[in-house]
Amino acid sequence: MIGSGSWATALVKVLQQTQARVSWFVRDEYMIEHIIKHQRNPSFLQSAKLDADRLDISSDINRVVAESDVLIFCIPSVYFLNEIALLSYSLDNKFILTAIKGMIPNENITIAEFFNRKHGIPYDNLGVVSGPCHAEEVSMERLSYLTITTKKEEVAKALSRAFSCAFIRTEISTDIYGVEYAVVLKNIYALAAGICHSLGYGDNFTAVLITSAYREMKEFLNKTYPSKNRDTTRSAFLGDLLVTSYSQFSRNRTFGSMLGKGYSVHTAQLEMNMVAEGYYGARCIHELNVKYKVNMPIAEAVYAILYESAHPTQTIRQLTEKISL
């Protein structure tokens, strides 16, 4: 496991249900000492109890990579390049899973695309862990579902066994592109849902908003990378969109709610003290869509509020005239 935030901590808890040992890159030495002594992450998801005796924790990313066959990257996208810059150990013959829910800012590529283009990792050795799962509910062992996506179905089946336990069910997919971009898009739409909620729009409008957002997502995926086997009604697509847009645990919805209440983008970021991936994803998708020109009024409204200082009240009012039933 590469990363030590809420989602990384939740996944470590899951993996400890099936694996004898888990190697874990944790950059902060204080955090390592606390986990070893108290069996809990002091900064994130403190409710998740971990078995420190079965964790090989290190602040040396190269050591963790060297002793592992499967690497799960779970770092906020905005910090990803800084962390990967510490890596000097070869990634040859490693299988890489990304659990990162965003794109690399300014480069406008997903994590799988980064490893393929920059490190020459073949897609046969790349995969995605996703699904409608909030770390908080996983830590409480509430039944949740993960999708393990790899190019080859048999590989996805093998990897899914590492994540399957009493409170986690798994399904598999081979649509790496679709699943990874869906993860980015749903965060943008959750931001929109949060903004609308704080502006006083109710459940009736939110239902129409998310329905329209789903159509936007589907059209973007099909136009940028068509696939005959893609089923966007599955939990990695529609399910993740729904839970991120509606859940009290959704940091993107929370971020949007703060903007709807009148917070500036900067103030909302400071007060949250957590990364809302939709902020970075909105810009990445906007810049990518300059090429594809998909009709995406909801994503564009969020972009305008985040990056063009558009007033939320006026922007959403205009949006209500553009989205379709």
Protein backbone atom coordinates (compact mmCIF):
# COMPACT_ATOMS: atom_id res chain seq x y z
CA MET A 1 0.00 0.00 0.00
CA ILE A 2 1.38 3.38 -1.06
CA GLY A 3 -0.40 6.13 0.87
CA SER A 4 -1.73 6.68 4.37
CA GLY A 5 -4.95 8.68 4.09
CA SER A 6 -8.50 7.55 4.88
CA TRP A 7 -9.02 5.36 1.82
CA ALA A 8 -5.56 3.79 2.08
CA THR A 9 -6.18 3.02 5.75
CA ALA A 10 -9.57 1.47 4.95
CA LEU A 11 -8.04 -0.72 2.24
CA VAL A 12 -5.28 -1.86 4.58
CA LYS A 13 -8.00 -2.92 7.03
CA VAL A 14 -9.69 -4.87 4.23
CA LEU A 15 -6.47 -6.55 3.08
CA GLN A 16 -5.68 -7.61 6.62
CA GLN A 17 -8.79 -9.80 6.50
CA THR A 18 -7.22 -12.00 3.79
CA GLN A 19 -3.46 -11.42 3.72
CA ALA A 20 -0.88 -12.68 6.20
CA ARG A 21 1.15 -9.48 5.91
CA VAL A 22 0.76 -6.10 4.23
CA SER A 23 3.65 -3.77 3.41
CA TRP A 24 2.70 -0.13 3.85
CA PHE A 25 4.46 3.08 2.82
CA VAL A 26 3.66 5.77 5.37
CA ARG A 27 5.69 8.92 4.92
CA ASP A 28 5.24 10.36 8.42
CA GLU A 29 7.39 8.77 11.15
CA TYR A 30 5.07 9.91 13.94
CA MET A 31 2.16 8.24 12.19
CA ILE A 32 4.17 5.01 11.91
CA GLU A 33 5.02 5.05 15.62
CA HIS A 34 1.41 5.71 16.55
CA ILE A 35 0.07 2.91 14.34
CA ILE A 36 2.56 0.44 15.79
CA LYS A 37 1.79 1.44 19.38
CA HIS A 38 -1.96 2.08 19.23
CA GLN A 39 -2.99 0.11 16.12
CA ARG A 40 -4.80 3.10 14.66
CA ASN A 41 -3.95 5.84 12.18
CA PRO A 42 -3.77 9.03 14.30
CA SER A 43 -4.69 11.37 11.45
CA PHE A 44 -7.19 9.50 9.32
CA LEU A 45 -9.98 7.03 10.02
CA GLN A 46 -9.10 6.66 13.70
CA SER A 47 -12.01 4.23 14.12
CA ALA A 48 -10.30 1.56 12.00
CA LYS A 49 -8.38 -0.88 14.20
CA LEU A 50 -5.34 -2.38 12.52
CA ASP A 51 -3.20 -5.38 13.42
CA ALA A 52 0.21 -3.73 13.67
CA ASP A 53 1.95 -7.08 14.16
CA ARG A 54 1.05 -8.04 10.60
CA LEU A 55 2.07 -4.74 9.02
CA ASP A 56 5.49 -3.99 7.54
CA ILE A 57 5.37 -0.20 7.75
CA SER A 58 8.14 1.97 6.38
CA SER A 59 8.74 5.59 5.42
CA ASP A 60 10.99 4.33 2.61
CA ILE A 61 8.88 3.89 -0.51
CA ASN A 62 11.65 1.95 -2.25
CA ARG A 63 11.79 -0.63 0.52
CA VAL A 64 8.04 -1.19 0.35
CA VAL A 65 8.13 -1.51 -3.44
CA ALA A 66 11.08 -3.89 -3.33
CA GLU A 67 9.36 -6.35 -1.00
CA SER A 68 5.96 -6.31 -2.74
CA ASP A 69 4.59 -7.94 -5.89
CA VAL A 70 1.36 -5.93 -6.04
CA LEU A 71 1.51 -2.17 -5.46
CA ILE A 72 -1.66 -0.28 -4.55
CA PHE A 73 -1.26 3.47 -5.05
CA CYS A 74 -3.66 5.40 -2.86
CA ILE A 75 -2.37 8.98 -2.71
CA PRO A 76 -4.39 12.13 -3.48
CA SER A 77 -3.73 12.94 -7.13
CA VAL A 78 -2.37 16.41 -6.32
CA TYR A 79 0.47 14.83 -4.28
CA PHE A 80 1.09 11.86 -6.55
CA LEU A 81 4.01 13.24 -8.56
CA ASN A 82 5.85 14.35 -5.42
CA GLU A 83 5.57 10.87 -3.91
CA ILE A 84 6.46 9.02 -7.09
CA ALA A 85 9.57 11.21 -7.43
CA LEU A 86 10.94 9.40 -4.35
CA LEU A 87 10.79 6.09 -6.20
CA SER A 88 14.02 4.77 -7.67
CA TYR A 89 13.36 1.02 -7.45
CA SER A 90 12.34 -0.59 -10.73
CA LEU A 91 8.65 -1.26 -11.33
CA ASP A 92 9.43 -4.06 -13.77
CA ASN A 93 7.44 -7.21 -12.99
CA LYS A 94 5.26 -5.37 -10.47
CA PHE A 95 1.49 -5.33 -10.78
CA ILE A 96 0.13 -1.85 -10.12
CA LEU A 97 -3.37 -1.13 -8.84
CA THR A 98 -4.56 2.45 -8.54
CA ALA A 99 -7.09 3.36 -5.88
CA ILE A 100 -6.60 7.08 -6.59
CA LYS A 101 -9.85 8.89 -7.28
CA GLY A 102 -8.52 11.60 -9.54
CA MET A 103 -6.26 12.65 -12.41
CA ILE A 104 -2.80 14.20 -12.35
CA PRO A 105 -3.35 17.97 -12.37
CA ASN A 106 -1.90 19.89 -15.34
CA GLU A 107 -1.02 16.66 -17.17
CA ASN A 108 -4.69 15.65 -17.54
CA ILE A 109 -3.98 11.93 -17.45
CA THR A 110 -5.14 9.21 -15.11
CA ILE A 111 -2.80 7.21 -12.91
CA ALA A 112 -2.93 4.15 -15.16
CA GLU A 113 -2.16 6.34 -18.17
CA PHE A 114 0.77 7.86 -16.26
CA PHE A 115 2.36 4.51 -15.48
CA ASN A 116 1.83 3.33 -19.05
CA ARG A 117 3.18 6.46 -20.75
CA LYS A 118 5.88 7.59 -18.32
CA HIS A 119 7.13 4.25 -16.97
CA GLY A 120 6.32 1.93 -19.86
CA ILE A 121 4.17 -0.35 -17.69
CA PRO A 122 1.99 -2.48 -19.99
CA TYR A 123 -1.74 -2.39 -19.37
CA ASP A 124 -1.53 -6.12 -18.65
CA ASN A 125 0.20 -5.07 -15.40
CA LEU A 126 -2.19 -2.26 -14.48
CA GLY A 127 -5.53 -2.21 -12.72
CA VAL A 128 -8.04 -0.09 -10.80
CA VAL A 129 -9.76 -0.53 -7.43
CA SER A 130 -13.02 1.43 -7.29
CA GLY A 131 -16.64 1.27 -6.27
CA PRO A 132 -19.32 3.02 -4.22
CA CYS A 133 -17.35 2.78 -0.98
CA HIS A 134 -16.65 5.44 1.61
CA ALA A 135 -13.73 4.74 3.90
CA GLU A 136 -15.81 5.54 6.97
CA GLU A 137 -18.34 2.80 6.28
CA VAL A 138 -15.61 0.30 5.44
CA SER A 139 -13.97 1.04 8.79
CA MET A 140 -17.32 0.28 10.47
CA GLU A 141 -17.46 -3.00 8.51
CA ARG A 142 -20.71 -2.07 6.81
CA LEU A 143 -21.31 -4.21 3.75
CA SER A 144 -19.67 -2.57 0.73
CA TYR A 145 -18.84 -3.50 -2.85
CA LEU A 146 -15.56 -3.01 -4.71
CA THR A 147 -14.83 -3.41 -8.41
CA ILE A 148 -11.43 -4.80 -9.40
CA THR A 149 -10.62 -3.80 -12.97
CA THR A 150 -7.78 -5.25 -15.02
CA LYS A 151 -7.25 -5.90 -18.70
CA LYS A 152 -7.57 -9.66 -18.27
CA GLU A 153 -10.59 -11.15 -16.53
CA GLU A 154 -8.65 -13.98 -14.90
CA VAL A 155 -6.25 -11.49 -13.31
CA ALA A 156 -9.13 -9.45 -11.93
CA LYS A 157 -10.65 -12.61 -10.44
CA ALA A 158 -7.37 -13.52 -8.74
CA LEU A 159 -6.88 -10.04 -7.31
CA SER A 160 -10.50 -9.76 -6.17
CA ARG A 161 -9.90 -12.59 -3.69
CA ALA A 162 -7.48 -10.35 -1.79
CA PHE A 163 -10.27 -7.82 -1.19
CA SER A 164 -13.17 -10.20 -0.53
CA CYS A 165 -14.10 -10.59 3.12
CA ALA A 166 -17.11 -10.63 5.45
CA PHE A 167 -17.94 -6.98 4.79
CA ILE A 168 -16.58 -6.55 1.25
CA ARG A 169 -18.08 -8.08 -1.88
CA THR A 170 -16.25 -7.76 -5.18
CA GLU A 171 -17.06 -7.76 -8.84
CA ILE A 172 -14.67 -7.58 -11.76
CA SER A 173 -14.31 -5.48 -14.89
CA THR A 174 -11.90 -5.19 -17.81
CA ASP A 175 -12.78 -1.57 -18.68
CA ILE A 176 -9.78 0.24 -17.19
CA TYR A 177 -10.39 3.46 -19.12
CA GLY A 178 -14.10 3.66 -18.36
CA VAL A 179 -13.82 2.88 -14.66
CA GLU A 180 -10.92 5.25 -14.06
CA TYR A 181 -12.57 8.19 -15.81
CA ALA A 182 -15.91 7.48 -14.13
CA VAL A 183 -14.13 7.89 -10.79
CA VAL A 184 -12.99 11.35 -11.86
CA LEU A 185 -16.33 12.46 -13.27
CA LYS A 186 -18.48 11.38 -10.31
CA ASN A 187 -16.49 13.70 -8.03
CA ILE A 188 -17.33 16.68 -10.24
CA TYR A 189 -21.02 15.84 -10.16
CA ALA A 190 -20.95 15.36 -6.39
CA LEU A 191 -19.60 18.90 -6.14
CA ALA A 192 -22.59 20.09 -8.17
CA ALA A 193 -24.97 18.19 -5.88
CA GLY A 194 -23.42 19.81 -2.81
CA ILE A 195 -23.64 23.30 -4.29
CA CYS A 196 -27.29 22.81 -5.20
CA HIS A 197 -28.15 21.43 -1.76
CA SER A 198 -26.76 24.50 -0.01
CA LEU A 199 -28.55 26.80 -2.44
CA GLY A 200 -31.86 25.32 -1.35
CA TYR A 201 -32.59 22.94 -4.20
CA GLY A 202 -34.33 19.85 -2.89
CA ASP A 203 -34.38 16.13 -3.54
CA ASN A 204 -36.66 16.51 -6.56
CA PHE A 205 -34.18 18.67 -8.43
CA THR A 206 -31.20 16.63 -7.23
CA ALA A 207 -32.74 13.51 -8.80
CA VAL A 208 -32.92 15.30 -12.16
CA LEU A 209 -29.41 16.71 -11.69
CA ILE A 210 -27.84 13.29 -11.04
CA THR A 211 -29.82 11.71 -13.87
CA SER A 212 -28.43 14.36 -16.22
CA ALA A 213 -24.96 13.91 -14.75
CA TYR A 214 -25.14 10.19 -15.47
CA ARG A 215 -25.97 10.93 -19.11
CA GLU A 216 -23.04 13.37 -19.30
CA MET A 217 -20.70 10.74 -17.90
CA LYS A 218 -21.94 8.08 -20.29
CA GLU A 219 -21.64 10.38 -23.32
CA PHE A 220 -18.13 11.50 -22.38
CA LEU A 221 -16.91 7.92 -21.90
CA ASN A 222 -18.48 6.67 -25.11
CA LYS A 223 -17.16 9.54 -27.19
CA THR A 224 -13.61 9.54 -25.81
CA TYR A 225 -13.12 5.77 -25.65
CA PRO A 226 -16.02 3.67 -27.00
CA SER A 227 -16.45 0.15 -25.66
CA LYS A 228 -19.07 -2.44 -26.64
CA ASN A 229 -18.74 -4.17 -23.28
CA ARG A 230 -19.13 -1.09 -21.05
CA ASP A 231 -22.15 -1.22 -18.75
CA THR A 232 -22.44 2.13 -17.01
CA THR A 233 -25.32 0.91 -14.87
CA ARG A 234 -22.84 -1.16 -12.81
CA SER A 235 -21.78 -0.05 -9.34
CA ALA A 236 -18.37 1.26 -10.46
CA PHE A 237 -20.21 3.81 -12.62
CA LEU A 238 -23.78 4.62 -11.56
CA GLY A 239 -23.39 3.30 -8.01
CA ASP A 240 -20.29 5.36 -7.30
CA LEU A 241 -21.93 8.44 -8.80
CA LEU A 242 -24.96 8.03 -6.53
CA VAL A 243 -23.13 7.47 -3.26
CA THR A 244 -20.66 10.30 -3.88
CA SER A 245 -23.47 12.70 -4.73
CA TYR A 246 -25.75 11.83 -1.81
CA SER A 247 -23.63 10.55 1.10
CA GLN A 248 -22.83 12.52 4.24
CA PHE A 249 -19.32 11.06 4.02
CA SER A 250 -18.65 12.48 0.55
CA ARG A 251 -15.91 15.09 0.79
CA ASN A 252 -16.73 16.34 -2.73
CA ARG A 253 -20.38 16.90 -1.82
CA THR A 254 -19.20 18.59 1.39
CA PHE A 255 -16.84 20.82 -0.57
CA GLY A 256 -19.65 21.77 -2.95
CA SER A 257 -21.97 22.48 -0.01
CA MET A 258 -19.44 24.93 1.40
CA LEU A 259 -19.23 26.76 -1.94
CA GLY A 260 -23.02 26.95 -2.07
CA LYS A 261 -23.01 28.54 1.40
CA GLY A 262 -20.70 31.29 0.17
CA TYR A 263 -17.25 29.99 1.06
CA SER A 264 -14.49 30.90 -1.35
CA VAL A 265 -12.71 27.97 -2.98
CA HIS A 266 -9.55 28.67 -0.98
CA THR A 267 -11.37 28.99 2.34
CA ALA A 268 -13.31 25.78 1.74
CA GLN A 269 -10.10 23.91 0.96
CA LEU A 270 -8.42 25.17 4.12
CA GLU A 271 -11.37 24.34 6.35
CA MET A 272 -11.88 20.84 4.97
CA ASN A 273 -8.25 19.80 5.56
CA MET A 274 -8.82 16.96 3.08
CA VAL A 275 -8.48 16.77 -0.68
CA ALA A 276 -11.67 17.04 -2.73
CA GLU A 277 -10.58 15.39 -5.96
CA GLY A 278 -13.43 17.00 -7.89
CA TYR A 279 -11.67 20.36 -7.66
CA TYR A 280 -8.73 19.11 -9.74
CA GLY A 281 -10.84 16.79 -11.87
CA ALA A 282 -13.09 19.62 -13.03
CA ARG A 283 -10.18 21.40 -14.64
CA CYS A 284 -8.73 18.24 -16.18
CA ILE A 285 -12.03 17.25 -17.78
CA HIS A 286 -12.67 20.82 -18.98
CA GLU A 287 -9.29 20.94 -20.72
CA LEU A 288 -9.69 17.46 -22.21
CA ASN A 289 -13.14 18.35 -23.50
CA VAL A 290 -11.73 21.22 -25.55
CA LYS A 291 -10.76 18.44 -27.96
CA TYR A 292 -13.83 16.23 -27.74
CA LYS A 293 -16.53 18.90 -27.37
CA VAL A 294 -18.97 16.71 -25.46
CA ASN A 295 -22.03 18.61 -24.22
CA MET A 296 -21.40 18.72 -20.46
CA PRO A 297 -23.32 21.65 -18.93
CA ILE A 298 -23.08 20.35 -15.35
CA ALA A 299 -19.32 19.76 -15.49
CA GLU A 300 -18.86 23.15 -17.14
CA ALA A 301 -20.96 24.89 -14.48
CA VAL A 302 -18.78 23.39 -11.75
CA TYR A 303 -15.64 24.43 -13.62
CA ALA A 304 -16.93 28.00 -13.97
CA ILE A 305 -17.64 28.23 -10.23
CA LEU A 306 -14.24 26.77 -9.28
CA TYR A 307 -11.96 28.47 -11.78
CA GLU A 308 -13.76 31.44 -13.31
CA SER A 309 -15.22 32.95 -10.12
CA ALA A 310 -18.74 32.40 -11.42
CA HIS A 311 -21.40 33.06 -8.78
CA PRO A 312 -22.97 29.75 -7.65
CA THR A 313 -26.54 31.11 -7.44
CA GLN A 314 -26.56 32.54 -10.94
CA THR A 315 -24.61 29.66 -12.45
CA ILE A 316 -26.94 26.99 -11.08
CA ARG A 317 -30.02 28.99 -12.07
CA GLN A 318 -28.70 29.06 -15.63
CA LEU A 319 -27.88 25.35 -15.39
CA THR A 320 -31.50 24.50 -14.55
CA GLU A 321 -32.45 25.76 -18.02
CA LYS A 322 -29.83 23.58 -19.73
CA ILE A 323 -30.17 20.14 -18.17
CA SER A 324 -32.77 17.86 -19.68
CA LEU A 325 -35.31 15.52 -18.14
